[in-house]
Structures are given as C-alpha cells and as structure tokens.
C-alpha cells in the first residue's frame, strides 16, 4: 500500500510460487485506519478494497487472543513489548502455522518460535 518496491516484488514472487497469502484482522484494521490519514482517501479505499478482495482475513478468535496475551505478557515482563497489534499479528501467524511477512523484523524477531520473512 505504500508503493514499497521491495514489498511489491516479494508479494509478486510469493504469488508466482502459488504461496497462499492471508492477512490478520489487525492488518485489516490498519488498512482501514489509513483511509483517514491520506490526501486521496477514495483512491486509497480502491487500493485497500482490491487487496482485501484477493486475500482472506484471519479473525482473532479465542485461541489467537490467548496466545497473544501470553506472548505480550512474556515480552512485557522482559521489557521487550512490541505493542498489542503486532503481538496479535504474531499470535495469528503462530496459531495458523504461517510466517509473518513484514518490513518490521525488529519487532517480530523477539518471538522465538515465529517464522519471519522480510522484503
């Protein structure tokens, strides 16, 4: 959504390999949140809706939220918290046994059992 050439290339590579791409409901929130912070919200909405139409969304069910709570509690107690949103994204990936694709490796690498891919 931010015209990051590396991100676009990575997603294109994954799609060409028929890797199924899904998003966390937190990412759904973040995409809609961005509509209120841009100069051209109609164009942004069109782009957001195009992405969402092609990607299933994982909902944060009780299994995800329990895992997120444990992860956040551990990271917070260690002084390494990453924020609720990223914690829920990580827990969603762990529950569904999928990697997280992100530019923000610094946050997600704090979760030992999480597979993190970057671009």
PDB file of N, CA and C in Angstrom:
ATOM      1  N   UNK A   1       0.810  -1.202   0.000  1.00  0.00           N
ATOM      2  CA  UNK A   1       0.000   0.000   0.000  1.00  0.00           C
ATOM      3  C   UNK A   1       0.849   1.260   0.000  1.00  0.00           C
ATOM      4  N   UNK A   2       2.110   1.151   0.361  1.00  0.00           N
ATOM      5  CA  UNK A   2       2.971   2.333   0.433  1.00  0.00           C
ATOM      6  C   UNK A   2       3.930   2.414  -0.751  1.00  0.00           C
ATOM      7  N   UNK A   3       3.638   1.666  -1.802  1.00  0.00           N
ATOM      8  CA  UNK A   3       4.465   1.654  -3.009  1.00  0.00           C
ATOM      9  C   UNK A   3       5.919   1.293  -2.710  1.00  0.00           C
ATOM     10  N   UNK A   4       6.125   0.401  -1.768  1.00  0.00           N
ATOM     11  CA  UNK A   4       7.453  -0.090  -1.443  1.00  0.00           C
ATOM     12  C   UNK A   4       7.818  -1.145  -2.481  1.00  0.00           C
ATOM     13  N   UNK A   5       8.780  -0.826  -3.340  1.00  0.00           N
ATOM     14  CA  UNK A   5       9.140  -1.711  -4.453  1.00  0.00           C
ATOM     15  C   UNK A   5       9.568  -3.094  -3.975  1.00  0.00           C
ATOM     16  N   UNK A   6      10.293  -3.167  -2.863  1.00  0.00           N
ATOM     17  CA  UNK A   6      10.725  -4.462  -2.323  1.00  0.00           C
ATOM     18  C   UNK A   6       9.530  -5.298  -1.880  1.00  0.00           C
ATOM     19  N   UNK A   7       8.553  -4.648  -1.257  1.00  0.00           N
ATOM     20  CA  UNK A   7       7.352  -5.358  -0.806  1.00  0.00           C
ATOM     21  C   UNK A   7       6.552  -5.871  -2.002  1.00  0.00           C
ATOM     22  N   UNK A   8       6.379  -5.027  -3.002  1.00  0.00           N
ATOM     23  CA  UNK A   8       5.637  -5.417  -4.197  1.00  0.00           C
ATOM     24  C   UNK A   8       6.321  -6.603  -4.876  1.00  0.00           C
ATOM     25  N   UNK A   9       7.643  -6.555  -4.962  1.00  0.00           N
ATOM     26  CA  UNK A   9       8.406  -7.643  -5.577  1.00  0.00           C
ATOM     27  C   UNK A   9       8.248  -8.935  -4.784  1.00  0.00           C
ATOM     28  N   UNK A  10       8.344  -8.856  -3.468  1.00  0.00           N
ATOM     29  CA  UNK A  10       8.224 -10.044  -2.612  1.00  0.00           C
ATOM     30  C   UNK A  10       6.848 -10.680  -2.747  1.00  0.00           C
ATOM     31  N   UNK A  11       5.808  -9.873  -2.695  1.00  0.00           N
ATOM     32  CA  UNK A  11       4.456 -10.404  -2.851  1.00  0.00           C
ATOM     33  C   UNK A  11       4.289 -11.032  -4.235  1.00  0.00           C
ATOM     34  N   UNK A  12       4.807 -10.377  -5.255  1.00  0.00           N
ATOM     35  CA  UNK A  12       4.751 -10.940  -6.608  1.00  0.00           C
ATOM     36  C   UNK A  12       5.465 -12.277  -6.698  1.00  0.00           C
ATOM     37  N   UNK A  13       6.633 -12.372  -6.073  1.00  0.00           N
ATOM     38  CA  UNK A  13       7.381 -13.640  -6.054  1.00  0.00           C
ATOM     39  C   UNK A  13       6.582 -14.739  -5.363  1.00  0.00           C
ATOM     40  N   UNK A  14       6.004 -14.415  -4.219  1.00  0.00           N
ATOM     41  CA  UNK A  14       5.217 -15.409  -3.478  1.00  0.00           C
ATOM     42  C   UNK A  14       3.996 -15.841  -4.281  1.00  0.00           C
ATOM     43  N   UNK A  15       3.323 -14.895  -4.896  1.00  0.00           N
ATOM     44  CA  UNK A  15       2.144 -15.237  -5.699  1.00  0.00           C
ATOM     45  C   UNK A  15       2.525 -16.083  -6.909  1.00  0.00           C
ATOM     46  N   UNK A  16       3.677 -15.809  -7.508  1.00  0.00           N
ATOM     47  CA  UNK A  16       4.099 -16.610  -8.668  1.00  0.00           C
ATOM     48  C   UNK A  16       4.444 -18.043  -8.266  1.00  0.00           C
ATOM     49  N   UNK A  17       4.754 -18.237  -6.979  1.00  0.00           N
ATOM     50  CA  UNK A  17       5.026 -19.577  -6.451  1.00  0.00           C
ATOM     51  C   UNK A  17       3.760 -20.205  -5.858  1.00  0.00           C
ATOM     52  N   UNK A  18       2.635 -19.556  -6.048  1.00  0.00           N
ATOM     53  CA  UNK A  18       1.333 -20.013  -5.553  1.00  0.00           C
ATOM     54  C   UNK A  18       1.308 -20.177  -4.035  1.00  0.00           C
ATOM     55  N   UNK A  19       2.037 -19.326  -3.344  1.00  0.00           N
ATOM     56  CA  UNK A  19       2.003 -19.311  -1.884  1.00  0.00           C
ATOM     57  C   UNK A  19       0.728 -18.578  -1.483  1.00  0.00           C
ATOM     58  N   UNK A  20      -0.144 -19.225  -0.694  1.00  0.00           N
ATOM     59  CA  UNK A  20      -1.363 -18.520  -0.283  1.00  0.00           C
ATOM     60  C   UNK A  20      -1.025 -17.384   0.676  1.00  0.00           C
ATOM     61  N   UNK A  21      -1.558 -16.213   0.405  1.00  0.00           N
ATOM     62  CA  UNK A  21      -1.307 -15.046   1.235  1.00  0.00           C
ATOM     63  C   UNK A  21      -2.586 -14.660   1.955  1.00  0.00           C
ATOM     64  N   UNK A  22      -2.473 -14.494   3.274  1.00  0.00           N
ATOM     65  CA  UNK A  22      -3.611 -14.104   4.094  1.00  0.00           C
ATOM     66  C   UNK A  22      -3.192 -12.954   4.985  1.00  0.00           C
ATOM     67  N   UNK A  23      -4.177 -12.247   5.524  1.00  0.00           N
ATOM     68  CA  UNK A  23      -3.846 -11.144   6.411  1.00  0.00           C
ATOM     69  C   UNK A  23      -4.551 -11.319   7.754  1.00  0.00           C
ATOM     70  N   UNK A  24      -3.950 -10.747   8.759  1.00  0.00           N
ATOM     71  CA  UNK A  24      -4.545 -10.723  10.092  1.00  0.00           C
ATOM     72  C   UNK A  24      -5.619  -9.639  10.126  1.00  0.00           C
ATOM     73  N   UNK A  25      -6.598  -9.837  10.985  1.00  0.00           N
ATOM     74  CA  UNK A  25      -7.626  -8.806  11.131  1.00  0.00           C
ATOM     75  C   UNK A  25      -7.023  -7.499  11.647  1.00  0.00           C
ATOM     76  N   UNK A  26      -5.878  -7.568  12.326  1.00  0.00           N
ATOM     77  CA  UNK A  26      -5.193  -6.340  12.738  1.00  0.00           C
ATOM     78  C   UNK A  26      -4.736  -5.566  11.502  1.00  0.00           C
ATOM     79  N   UNK A  27      -4.239  -6.276  10.510  1.00  0.00           N
ATOM     80  CA  UNK A  27      -3.842  -5.613   9.263  1.00  0.00           C
ATOM     81  C   UNK A  27      -5.065  -5.017   8.559  1.00  0.00           C
ATOM     82  N   UNK A  28      -6.192  -5.701   8.653  1.00  0.00           N
ATOM     83  CA  UNK A  28      -7.447  -5.160   8.112  1.00  0.00           C
ATOM     84  C   UNK A  28      -7.765  -3.830   8.793  1.00  0.00           C
ATOM     85  N   UNK A  29      -7.644  -3.800  10.115  1.00  0.00           N
ATOM     86  CA  UNK A  29      -7.843  -2.561  10.878  1.00  0.00           C
ATOM     87  C   UNK A  29      -6.869  -1.485  10.404  1.00  0.00           C
ATOM     88  N   UNK A  30      -5.590  -1.837  10.294  1.00  0.00           N
ATOM     89  CA  UNK A  30      -4.567  -0.859   9.908  1.00  0.00           C
ATOM     90  C   UNK A  30      -4.838  -0.285   8.521  1.00  0.00           C
ATOM     91  N   UNK A  31      -5.286  -1.126   7.600  1.00  0.00           N
ATOM     92  CA  UNK A  31      -5.592  -0.641   6.255  1.00  0.00           C
ATOM     93  C   UNK A  31      -6.747   0.363   6.281  1.00  0.00           C
ATOM     94  N   UNK A  32      -7.787   0.050   7.024  1.00  0.00           N
ATOM     95  CA  UNK A  32      -8.930   0.976   7.100  1.00  0.00           C
ATOM     96  C   UNK A  32      -8.573   2.232   7.889  1.00  0.00           C
ATOM     97  N   UNK A  33      -7.746   2.088   8.892  1.00  0.00           N
ATOM     98  CA  UNK A  33      -7.271   3.248   9.657  1.00  0.00           C
ATOM     99  C   UNK A  33      -6.532   4.221   8.733  1.00  0.00           C
ATOM    100  N   UNK A  34      -5.788   3.669   7.781  1.00  0.00           N
ATOM    101  CA  UNK A  34      -5.002   4.513   6.877  1.00  0.00           C
ATOM    102  C   UNK A  34      -5.877   5.373   5.975  1.00  0.00           C
ATOM    103  N   UNK A  35      -7.127   4.981   5.775  1.00  0.00           N
ATOM    104  CA  UNK A  35      -8.015   5.763   4.907  1.00  0.00           C
ATOM    105  C   UNK A  35      -8.246   7.170   5.443  1.00  0.00           C
ATOM    106  N   UNK A  36      -8.154   7.324   6.743  1.00  0.00           N
ATOM    107  CA  UNK A  36      -8.406   8.625   7.371  1.00  0.00           C
ATOM    108  C   UNK A  36      -7.165   9.504   7.426  1.00  0.00           C
ATOM    109  N   UNK A  37      -6.037   8.982   6.947  1.00  0.00           N
ATOM    110  CA  UNK A  37      -4.777   9.719   7.102  1.00  0.00           C
ATOM    111  C   UNK A  37      -4.100  10.037   5.781  1.00  0.00           C
ATOM    112  N   UNK A  38      -4.824   9.971   4.686  1.00  0.00           N
ATOM    113  CA  UNK A  38      -4.215  10.224   3.380  1.00  0.00           C
ATOM    114  C   UNK A  38      -4.923  11.376   2.677  1.00  0.00           C
ATOM    115  N   UNK A  39      -4.241  11.955   1.699  1.00  0.00           N
ATOM    116  CA  UNK A  39      -4.801  13.070   0.945  1.00  0.00           C
ATOM    117  C   UNK A  39      -5.908  12.634  -0.010  1.00  0.00           C
ATOM    118  N   UNK A  40      -5.811  11.405  -0.527  1.00  0.00           N
ATOM    119  CA  UNK A  40      -6.783  10.919  -1.502  1.00  0.00           C
ATOM    120  C   UNK A  40      -7.447   9.644  -0.976  1.00  0.00           C
ATOM    121  N   UNK A  41      -8.407   9.780  -0.036  1.00  0.00           N
ATOM    122  CA  UNK A  41      -8.999   8.592   0.571  1.00  0.00           C
ATOM    123  C   UNK A  41      -9.775   7.711  -0.401  1.00  0.00           C
ATOM    124  N   UNK A  42     -10.342   8.275  -1.449  1.00  0.00           N
ATOM    125  CA  UNK A  42     -11.083   7.447  -2.411  1.00  0.00           C
ATOM    126  C   UNK A  42     -10.154   6.516  -3.166  1.00  0.00           C
ATOM    127  N   UNK A  43      -9.009   7.042  -3.607  1.00  0.00           N
ATOM    128  CA  UNK A  43      -8.020   6.198  -4.295  1.00  0.00           C
ATOM    129  C   UNK A  43      -7.462   5.158  -3.334  1.00  0.00           C
ATOM    130  N   UNK A  44      -7.182   5.568  -2.121  1.00  0.00           N
ATOM    131  CA  UNK A  44      -6.663   4.636  -1.110  1.00  0.00           C
ATOM    132  C   UNK A  44      -7.685   3.544  -0.833  1.00  0.00           C
ATOM    133  N   UNK A  45      -8.970   3.894  -0.707  1.00  0.00           N
ATOM    134  CA  UNK A  45     -10.028   2.913  -0.467  1.00  0.00           C
ATOM    135  C   UNK A  45     -10.085   1.907  -1.614  1.00  0.00           C
ATOM    136  N   UNK A  46      -9.963   2.390  -2.838  1.00  0.00           N
ATOM    137  CA  UNK A  46      -9.982   1.491  -4.000  1.00  0.00           C
ATOM    138  C   UNK A  46      -8.846   0.479  -3.889  1.00  0.00           C
ATOM    139  N   UNK A  47      -7.660   0.971  -3.513  1.00  0.00           N
ATOM    140  CA  UNK A  47      -6.497   0.086  -3.397  1.00  0.00           C
ATOM    141  C   UNK A  47      -6.661  -0.890  -2.236  1.00  0.00           C
ATOM    142  N   UNK A  48      -7.163  -0.417  -1.115  1.00  0.00           N
ATOM    143  CA  UNK A  48      -7.395  -1.280   0.053  1.00  0.00           C
ATOM    144  C   UNK A  48      -8.395  -2.373  -0.297  1.00  0.00           C
ATOM    145  N   UNK A  49      -9.495  -1.988  -0.922  1.00  0.00           N
ATOM    146  CA  UNK A  49     -10.519  -2.973  -1.277  1.00  0.00           C
ATOM    147  C   UNK A  49     -10.000  -3.994  -2.282  1.00  0.00           C
ATOM    148  N   UNK A  50      -9.135  -3.586  -3.191  1.00  0.00           N
ATOM    149  CA  UNK A  50      -8.542  -4.530  -4.145  1.00  0.00           C
ATOM    150  C   UNK A  50      -7.673  -5.554  -3.417  1.00  0.00           C
ATOM    151  N   UNK A  51      -6.895  -5.107  -2.448  1.00  0.00           N
ATOM    152  CA  UNK A  51      -6.070  -6.033  -1.667  1.00  0.00           C
ATOM    153  C   UNK A  51      -6.965  -6.983  -0.882  1.00  0.00           C
ATOM    154  N   UNK A  52      -7.952  -6.440  -0.204  1.00  0.00           N
ATOM    155  CA  UNK A  52      -8.808  -7.267   0.647  1.00  0.00           C
ATOM    156  C   UNK A  52      -9.642  -8.263  -0.145  1.00  0.00           C
ATOM    157  N   UNK A  53     -10.009  -7.904  -1.361  1.00  0.00           N
ATOM    158  CA  UNK A  53     -10.791  -8.821  -2.194  1.00  0.00           C
ATOM    159  C   UNK A  53      -9.991 -10.055  -2.591  1.00  0.00           C
ATOM    160  N   UNK A  54      -8.675  -9.930  -2.586  1.00  0.00           N
ATOM    161  CA  UNK A  54      -7.839 -11.041  -3.041  1.00  0.00           C
ATOM    162  C   UNK A  54      -7.177 -11.818  -1.909  1.00  0.00           C
ATOM    163  N   UNK A  55      -7.386 -11.406  -0.656  1.00  0.00           N
ATOM    164  CA  UNK A  55      -6.701 -12.044   0.469  1.00  0.00           C
ATOM    165  C   UNK A  55      -7.687 -12.376   1.578  1.00  0.00           C
ATOM    166  N   UNK A  56      -7.776 -13.642   1.953  1.00  0.00           N
ATOM    167  CA  UNK A  56      -8.610 -13.991   3.110  1.00  0.00           C
ATOM    168  C   UNK A  56      -8.036 -13.364   4.379  1.00  0.00           C
ATOM    169  N   UNK A  57      -8.910 -13.112   5.341  1.00  0.00           N
ATOM    170  CA  UNK A  57      -8.508 -12.496   6.603  1.00  0.00           C
ATOM    171  C   UNK A  57      -8.703 -13.483   7.746  1.00  0.00           C
ATOM    172  N   UNK A  58      -7.691 -13.609   8.588  1.00  0.00           N
ATOM    173  CA  UNK A  58      -7.802 -14.410   9.800  1.00  0.00           C
ATOM    174  C   UNK A  58      -8.401 -13.565  10.916  1.00  0.00           C
ATOM    175  N   UNK A  59      -9.423 -14.081  11.557  1.00  0.00           N
ATOM    176  CA  UNK A  59     -10.034 -13.393  12.690  1.00  0.00           C
ATOM    177  C   UNK A  59      -9.315 -13.765  13.976  1.00  0.00           C
ATOM    178  N   UNK A  60      -9.298 -12.837  14.938  1.00  0.00           N
ATOM    179  CA  UNK A  60      -8.636 -13.127  16.213  1.00  0.00           C
ATOM    180  C   UNK A  60      -9.575 -13.880  17.151  1.00  0.00           C
ATOM    181  N   UNK A  61      -9.670 -15.197  16.980  1.00  0.00           N
ATOM    182  CA  UNK A  61     -10.535 -15.988  17.843  1.00  0.00           C
ATOM    183  C   UNK A  61      -9.908 -16.150  19.225  1.00  0.00           C
ATOM    184  N   UNK A  62     -10.557 -16.902  20.092  1.00  0.00           N
ATOM    185  CA  UNK A  62     -10.072 -17.025  21.466  1.00  0.00           C
ATOM    186  C   UNK A  62      -8.708 -17.703  21.528  1.00  0.00           C
ATOM    187  N   UNK A  63      -8.415 -18.625  20.626  1.00  0.00           N
ATOM    188  CA  UNK A  63      -7.104 -19.278  20.613  1.00  0.00           C
ATOM    189  C   UNK A  63      -6.006 -18.268  20.299  1.00  0.00           C
ATOM    190  N   UNK A  64      -6.248 -17.429  19.302  1.00  0.00           N
ATOM    191  CA  UNK A  64      -5.281 -16.385  18.934  1.00  0.00           C
ATOM    192  C   UNK A  64      -5.101 -15.400  20.087  1.00  0.00           C
ATOM    193  N   UNK A  65      -6.202 -14.972  20.688  1.00  0.00           N
ATOM    194  CA  UNK A  65      -6.112 -13.958  21.735  1.00  0.00           C
ATOM    195  C   UNK A  65      -5.429 -14.505  22.991  1.00  0.00           C
ATOM    196  N   UNK A  66      -5.656 -15.761  23.327  1.00  0.00           N
ATOM    197  CA  UNK A  66      -4.957 -16.361  24.468  1.00  0.00           C
ATOM    198  C   UNK A  66      -3.460 -16.413  24.203  1.00  0.00           C
ATOM    199  N   UNK A  67      -3.098 -16.831  23.006  1.00  0.00           N
ATOM    200  CA  UNK A  67      -1.676 -16.893  22.643  1.00  0.00           C
ATOM    201  C   UNK A  67      -1.067 -15.496  22.658  1.00  0.00           C
ATOM    202  N   UNK A  68      -1.788 -14.524  22.107  1.00  0.00           N
ATOM    203  CA  UNK A  68      -1.292 -13.142  22.089  1.00  0.00           C
ATOM    204  C   UNK A  68      -1.098 -12.622  23.510  1.00  0.00           C
ATOM    205  N   UNK A  69      -2.029 -12.926  24.383  1.00  0.00           N
ATOM    206  CA  UNK A  69      -1.906 -12.482  25.769  1.00  0.00           C
ATOM    207  C   UNK A  69      -0.675 -13.057  26.447  1.00  0.00           C
ATOM    208  N   UNK A  70      -0.407 -14.333  26.204  1.00  0.00           N
ATOM    209  CA  UNK A  70       0.785 -14.957  26.791  1.00  0.00           C
ATOM    210  C   UNK A  70       2.060 -14.352  26.213  1.00  0.00           C
ATOM    211  N   UNK A  71       2.082 -14.155  24.907  1.00  0.00           N
ATOM    212  CA  UNK A  71       3.269 -13.563  24.269  1.00  0.00           C
ATOM    213  C   UNK A  71       3.496 -12.154  24.805  1.00  0.00           C
ATOM    214  N   UNK A  72       2.428 -11.355  24.846  1.00  0.00           N
ATOM    215  CA  UNK A  72       2.568  -9.974  25.300  1.00  0.00           C
ATOM    216  C   UNK A  72       2.993  -9.920  26.766  1.00  0.00           C
ATOM    217  N   UNK A  73       2.438 -10.793  27.583  1.00  0.00           N
ATOM    218  CA  UNK A  73       2.829 -10.828  28.985  1.00  0.00           C
ATOM    219  C   UNK A  73       4.302 -11.150  29.158  1.00  0.00           C
ATOM    220  N   UNK A  74       4.786 -12.143  28.393  1.00  0.00           N
ATOM    221  CA  UNK A  74       6.195 -12.526  28.479  1.00  0.00           C
ATOM    222  C   UNK A  74       7.099 -11.403  27.994  1.00  0.00           C
ATOM    223  N   UNK A  75       6.778 -10.832  26.833  1.00  0.00           N
ATOM    224  CA  UNK A  75       7.613  -9.758  26.290  1.00  0.00           C
ATOM    225  C   UNK A  75       7.599  -8.527  27.200  1.00  0.00           C
ATOM    226  N   UNK A  76       6.450  -8.213  27.737  1.00  0.00           N
ATOM    227  CA  UNK A  76       6.351  -7.069  28.644  1.00  0.00           C
ATOM    228  C   UNK A  76       7.193  -7.301  29.893  1.00  0.00           C
ATOM    229  N   UNK A  77       7.114  -8.506  30.456  1.00  0.00           N
ATOM    230  CA  UNK A  77       7.886  -8.792  31.673  1.00  0.00           C
ATOM    231  C   UNK A  77       9.386  -8.747  31.408  1.00  0.00           C
ATOM    232  N   UNK A  78       9.781  -8.982  30.158  1.00  0.00           N
ATOM    233  CA  UNK A  78      11.198  -8.926  29.775  1.00  0.00           C
ATOM    234  C   UNK A  78      11.624  -7.523  29.340  1.00  0.00           C
ATOM    235  N   UNK A  79      10.673  -6.582  29.314  1.00  0.00           N
ATOM    236  CA  UNK A  79      10.982  -5.227  28.851  1.00  0.00           C
ATOM    237  C   UNK A  79      11.165  -5.153  27.346  1.00  0.00           C
ATOM    238  N   UNK A  80      10.523  -6.062  26.608  1.00  0.00           N
ATOM    239  CA  UNK A  80      10.695  -6.118  25.150  1.00  0.00           C
ATOM    240  C   UNK A  80       9.359  -6.086  24.397  1.00  0.00           C
ATOM    241  N   UNK A  81       8.332  -5.462  24.966  1.00  0.00           N
ATOM    242  CA  UNK A  81       6.996  -5.440  24.354  1.00  0.00           C
ATOM    243  C   UNK A  81       7.045  -4.835  22.953  1.00  0.00           C
ATOM    244  N   UNK A  82       6.159  -5.337  22.088  1.00  0.00           N
ATOM    245  CA  UNK A  82       6.118  -4.868  20.699  1.00  0.00           C
ATOM    246  C   UNK A  82       4.803  -4.191  20.347  1.00  0.00           C
ATOM    247  N   UNK A  83       3.887  -4.099  21.295  1.00  0.00           N
ATOM    248  CA  UNK A  83       2.592  -3.484  21.035  1.00  0.00           C
ATOM    249  C   UNK A  83       1.528  -4.528  20.750  1.00  0.00           C
ATOM    250  N   UNK A  84       0.319  -4.198  21.109  1.00  0.00           N
ATOM    251  CA  UNK A  84      -0.777  -5.148  21.006  1.00  0.00           C
ATOM    252  C   UNK A  84      -1.029  -5.606  19.562  1.00  0.00           C
ATOM    253  N   UNK A  85      -1.015  -4.677  18.622  1.00  0.00           N
ATOM    254  CA  UNK A  85      -1.300  -5.032  17.232  1.00  0.00           C
ATOM    255  C   UNK A  85      -0.321  -6.050  16.682  1.00  0.00           C
ATOM    256  N   UNK A  86       0.968  -5.779  16.824  1.00  0.00           N
ATOM    257  CA  UNK A  86       1.975  -6.711  16.304  1.00  0.00           C
ATOM    258  C   UNK A  86       1.942  -8.034  17.057  1.00  0.00           C
ATOM    259  N   UNK A  87       1.603  -7.985  18.345  1.00  0.00           N
ATOM    260  CA  UNK A  87       1.505  -9.226  19.113  1.00  0.00           C
ATOM    261  C   UNK A  87       0.360 -10.088  18.595  1.00  0.00           C
ATOM    262  N   UNK A  88      -0.768  -9.483  18.274  1.00  0.00           N
ATOM    263  CA  UNK A  88      -1.903 -10.246  17.742  1.00  0.00           C
ATOM    264  C   UNK A  88      -1.573 -10.785  16.350  1.00  0.00           C
ATOM    265  N   UNK A  89      -0.883 -10.000  15.531  1.00  0.00           N
ATOM    266  CA  UNK A  89      -0.458 -10.494  14.209  1.00  0.00           C
ATOM    267  C   UNK A  89       0.445 -11.709  14.384  1.00  0.00           C
ATOM    268  N   UNK A  90       1.404 -11.632  15.298  1.00  0.00           N
ATOM    269  CA  UNK A  90       2.321 -12.751  15.535  1.00  0.00           C
ATOM    270  C   UNK A  90       1.573 -13.976  16.044  1.00  0.00           C
ATOM    271  N   UNK A  91       0.671 -13.788  16.987  1.00  0.00           N
ATOM    272  CA  UNK A  91      -0.092 -14.919  17.525  1.00  0.00           C
ATOM    273  C   UNK A  91      -0.954 -15.557  16.435  1.00  0.00           C
ATOM    274  N   UNK A  92      -1.531 -14.741  15.571  1.00  0.00           N
ATOM    275  CA  UNK A  92      -2.326 -15.260  14.458  1.00  0.00           C
ATOM    276  C   UNK A  92      -1.469 -16.153  13.571  1.00  0.00           C
ATOM    277  N   UNK A  93      -0.267 -15.692  13.254  1.00  0.00           N
ATOM    278  CA  UNK A  93       0.641 -16.490  12.415  1.00  0.00           C
ATOM    279  C   UNK A  93       1.023 -17.789  13.107  1.00  0.00           C
ATOM    280  N   UNK A  94       1.298 -17.733  14.381  1.00  0.00           N
ATOM    281  CA  UNK A  94       1.685 -18.938  15.119  1.00  0.00           C
ATOM    282  C   UNK A  94       0.544 -19.950  15.177  1.00  0.00           C
ATOM    283  N   UNK A  95      -0.644 -19.488  15.485  1.00  0.00           N
ATOM    284  CA  UNK A  95      -1.802 -20.386  15.569  1.00  0.00           C
ATOM    285  C   UNK A  95      -2.072 -21.058  14.233  1.00  0.00           C
ATOM    286  N   UNK A  96      -1.895 -20.321  13.156  1.00  0.00           N
ATOM    287  CA  UNK A  96      -2.177 -20.856  11.821  1.00  0.00           C
ATOM    288  C   UNK A  96      -0.928 -21.433  11.148  1.00  0.00           C
ATOM    289  N   UNK A  97       0.161 -21.474  11.906  1.00  0.00           N
ATOM    290  CA  UNK A  97       1.429 -22.061  11.436  1.00  0.00           C
ATOM    291  C   UNK A  97       1.883 -21.466  10.116  1.00  0.00           C
ATOM    292  N   UNK A  98       1.922 -20.138  10.092  1.00  0.00           N
ATOM    293  CA  UNK A  98       2.360 -19.409   8.907  1.00  0.00           C
ATOM    294  C   UNK A  98       3.396 -18.367   9.301  1.00  0.00           C
ATOM    295  N   UNK A  99       4.270 -17.985   8.383  1.00  0.00           N
ATOM    296  CA  UNK A  99       5.232 -16.923   8.683  1.00  0.00           C
ATOM    297  C   UNK A  99       4.566 -15.552   8.623  1.00  0.00           C
ATOM    298  N   UNK A 100       5.238 -14.574   9.192  1.00  0.00           N
ATOM    299  CA  UNK A 100       4.821 -13.182   9.076  1.00  0.00           C
ATOM    300  C   UNK A 100       5.717 -12.523   8.040  1.00  0.00           C
ATOM    301  N   UNK A 101       5.114 -11.843   7.080  1.00  0.00           N
ATOM    302  CA  UNK A 101       5.859 -11.075   6.093  1.00  0.00           C
ATOM    303  C   UNK A 101       5.792  -9.623   6.530  1.00  0.00           C
ATOM    304  N   UNK A 102       6.951  -9.039   6.815  1.00  0.00           N
ATOM    305  CA  UNK A 102       6.973  -7.693   7.367  1.00  0.00           C
ATOM    306  C   UNK A 102       8.281  -6.990   7.049  1.00  0.00           C
ATOM    307  N   UNK A 103       8.218  -5.686   7.056  1.00  0.00           N
ATOM    308  CA  UNK A 103       9.432  -4.891   6.990  1.00  0.00           C
ATOM    309  C   UNK A 103       9.973  -4.666   8.404  1.00  0.00           C
ATOM    310  N   UNK A 104       9.097  -4.820   9.385  1.00  0.00           N
ATOM    311  CA  UNK A 104       9.435  -4.563  10.783  1.00  0.00           C
ATOM    312  C   UNK A 104       9.966  -5.827  11.469  1.00  0.00           C
ATOM    313  N   UNK A 105      11.062  -6.329  10.997  1.00  0.00           N
ATOM    314  CA  UNK A 105      11.652  -7.543  11.549  1.00  0.00           C
ATOM    315  C   UNK A 105      12.031  -7.352  13.014  1.00  0.00           C
ATOM    316  N   UNK A 106      12.471  -6.166  13.362  1.00  0.00           N
ATOM    317  CA  UNK A 106      12.942  -5.870  14.720  1.00  0.00           C
ATOM    318  C   UNK A 106      11.903  -6.254  15.782  1.00  0.00           C
ATOM    319  N   UNK A 107      10.629  -5.976  15.534  1.00  0.00           N
ATOM    320  CA  UNK A 107       9.587  -6.362  16.488  1.00  0.00           C
ATOM    321  C   UNK A 107       9.362  -7.868  16.500  1.00  0.00           C
ATOM    322  N   UNK A 108       9.141  -8.422  15.344  1.00  0.00           N
ATOM    323  CA  UNK A 108       8.698  -9.808  15.259  1.00  0.00           C
ATOM    324  C   UNK A 108       9.784 -10.826  15.604  1.00  0.00           C
ATOM    325  N   UNK A 109      11.044 -10.461  15.441  1.00  0.00           N
ATOM    326  CA  UNK A 109      12.102 -11.405  15.766  1.00  0.00           C
ATOM    327  C   UNK A 109      12.236 -11.628  17.274  1.00  0.00           C
ATOM    328  N   UNK A 110      11.558 -10.853  18.069  1.00  0.00           N
ATOM    329  CA  UNK A 110      11.568 -11.040  19.524  1.00  0.00           C
ATOM    330  C   UNK A 110      10.783 -12.283  19.951  1.00  0.00           C
ATOM    331  N   UNK A 111      10.023 -12.849  19.029  1.00  0.00           N
ATOM    332  CA  UNK A 111       9.204 -14.031  19.330  1.00  0.00           C
ATOM    333  C   UNK A 111       9.918 -15.233  18.723  1.00  0.00           C
ATOM    334  N   UNK A 112      10.590 -15.991  19.595  1.00  0.00           N
ATOM    335  CA  UNK A 112      11.486 -17.069  19.156  1.00  0.00           C
ATOM    336  C   UNK A 112      10.848 -18.052  18.190  1.00  0.00           C
ATOM    337  N   UNK A 113       9.652 -18.493  18.459  1.00  0.00           N
ATOM    338  CA  UNK A 113       9.049 -19.560  17.667  1.00  0.00           C
ATOM    339  C   UNK A 113       8.395 -19.060  16.358  1.00  0.00           C
ATOM    340  N   UNK A 114       8.430 -17.768  16.126  1.00  0.00           N
ATOM    341  CA  UNK A 114       7.776 -17.177  14.955  1.00  0.00           C
ATOM    342  C   UNK A 114       8.725 -17.140  13.755  1.00  0.00           C
ATOM    343  N   UNK A 115       8.235 -17.609  12.626  1.00  0.00           N
ATOM    344  CA  UNK A 115       8.996 -17.506  11.371  1.00  0.00           C
ATOM    345  C   UNK A 115       8.698 -16.134  10.760  1.00  0.00           C
ATOM    346  N   UNK A 116       9.743 -15.385  10.487  1.00  0.00           N
ATOM    347  CA  UNK A 116       9.608 -14.024   9.979  1.00  0.00           C
ATOM    348  C   UNK A 116      10.291 -13.925   8.621  1.00  0.00           C
ATOM    349  N   UNK A 117       9.574 -13.393   7.647  1.00  0.00           N
ATOM    350  CA  UNK A 117      10.144 -13.114   6.324  1.00  0.00           C
ATOM    351  C   UNK A 117      10.069 -11.616   6.098  1.00  0.00           C
ATOM    352  N   UNK A 118      11.067 -11.092   5.422  1.00  0.00           N
ATOM    353  CA  UNK A 118      11.102  -9.665   5.147  1.00  0.00           C
ATOM    354  C   UNK A 118      11.248  -9.418   3.651  1.00  0.00           C
ATOM    355  N   UNK A 119      11.294  -8.184   3.285  1.00  0.00           N
ATOM    356  CA  UNK A 119      11.453  -7.787   1.883  1.00  0.00           C
ATOM    357  C   UNK A 119      12.395  -6.628   1.783  1.00  0.00           C
TER     358      UNK A 119
END
